[in-house]
Amino acid sequence: MKKIVINVENGKKEIIDLTEQEQNQSNIDYKKWSENKAIEDADKQNKKNKKASGKQKLKDLGLDDDEIKALMGA
């Protein structure tokens, strides 16, 4: 893995290899990010499922699409 180091005084850019410690930290950070992303995606899907389930329950009670939209504010 590489990183870009920019000298803020003269704008000179240098591409250098990450140290072993930086690579390890990068791997740890990516793993944490991907775990959090999976949880976030599951939460979003759960919310969609609950919304669809709620709409279906309202339909089962006899409400039509316009009534459901009026209730849900959509």
Protein backbone atom coordinates (compact mmCIF):
# COMPACT_ATOMS: atom_id res chain seq x y z
CA MET A 1 0.00 0.00 0.00
CA LYS A 2 1.05 3.55 -0.70
CA LYS A 3 0.30 7.00 0.66
CA ILE A 4 0.73 10.47 -0.73
CA VAL A 5 2.69 12.94 1.37
CA ILE A 6 2.28 16.60 0.41
CA ASN A 7 4.67 19.25 1.58
CA VAL A 8 2.35 22.15 2.41
CA GLU A 9 5.12 24.70 2.08
CA ASN A 10 6.03 23.97 -1.53
CA GLY A 11 3.18 21.70 -2.72
CA LYS A 12 5.57 18.91 -3.63
CA LYS A 13 3.93 15.46 -3.61
CA GLU A 14 5.67 12.22 -2.78
CA ILE A 15 4.25 8.70 -3.00
CA ILE A 16 5.70 6.36 -0.41
CA ASP A 17 5.00 2.90 0.95
CA LEU A 18 3.03 2.54 4.16
CA THR A 19 4.91 1.15 7.10
CA GLU A 20 3.87 -2.26 8.42
CA GLN A 21 2.19 -0.54 11.36
CA GLU A 22 0.24 1.79 9.02
CA GLN A 23 -0.84 -1.16 6.89
CA ASN A 24 -2.04 -3.05 9.97
CA GLN A 25 -3.99 -0.01 11.17
CA SER A 26 -5.48 0.44 7.72
CA ASN A 27 -6.64 -3.18 7.73
CA ILE A 28 -8.15 -2.77 11.22
CA ASP A 29 -9.92 0.44 10.18
CA TYR A 30 -11.30 -1.18 7.02
CA LYS A 31 -12.59 -4.19 8.97
CA LYS A 32 -14.37 -1.90 11.47
CA TRP A 33 -15.82 0.17 8.63
CA SER A 34 -17.10 -2.88 6.76
CA GLU A 35 -18.68 -4.31 9.94
CA ASN A 36 -20.40 -0.98 10.63
CA LYS A 37 -21.54 -0.79 6.99
CA ALA A 38 -23.07 -4.26 7.23
CA ILE A 39 -24.96 -3.28 10.39
CA GLU A 40 -26.13 -0.06 8.78
CA ASP A 41 -27.31 -1.91 5.66
CA ALA A 42 -29.17 -4.46 7.79
CA ASP A 43 -30.85 -1.65 9.75
CA LYS A 44 -31.97 0.04 6.51
CA GLN A 45 -33.36 -3.24 5.17
CA ASN A 46 -35.15 -3.90 8.46
CA LYS A 47 -36.75 -0.45 8.29
CA LYS A 48 -37.92 -1.09 4.70
CA ASN A 49 -39.34 -4.46 5.71
CA LYS A 50 -41.22 -2.96 8.65
CA LYS A 51 -42.66 -0.21 6.45
CA ALA A 52 -43.85 -2.74 3.87
CA SER A 53 -45.29 -4.93 6.62
CA GLY A 54 -47.12 -1.97 8.11
CA LYS A 55 -48.59 -1.02 4.74
CA GLN A 56 -49.75 -4.58 4.19
CA LYS A 57 -51.40 -4.68 7.61
CA LEU A 58 -53.28 -1.49 6.79
CA LYS A 59 -54.41 -3.02 3.48
CA ASP A 60 -55.52 -6.13 5.36
CA LEU A 61 -57.67 -3.86 7.54
CA GLY A 62 -59.37 -2.59 4.38
CA LEU A 63 -57.62 0.73 3.73
CA ASP A 64 -56.91 1.64 0.12
CA ASP A 65 -53.63 3.08 -1.20
CA ASP A 66 -54.83 6.70 -0.98
CA GLU A 67 -55.85 6.28 2.66
CA ILE A 68 -52.54 4.65 3.49
CA LYS A 69 -50.63 7.47 1.79
CA ALA A 70 -52.65 10.03 3.75
CA LEU A 71 -51.82 8.27 7.01
CA MET A 72 -48.14 7.89 6.25
CA GLY A 73 -47.72 11.44 5.00
CA ALA A 74 -46.50 10.36 1.59
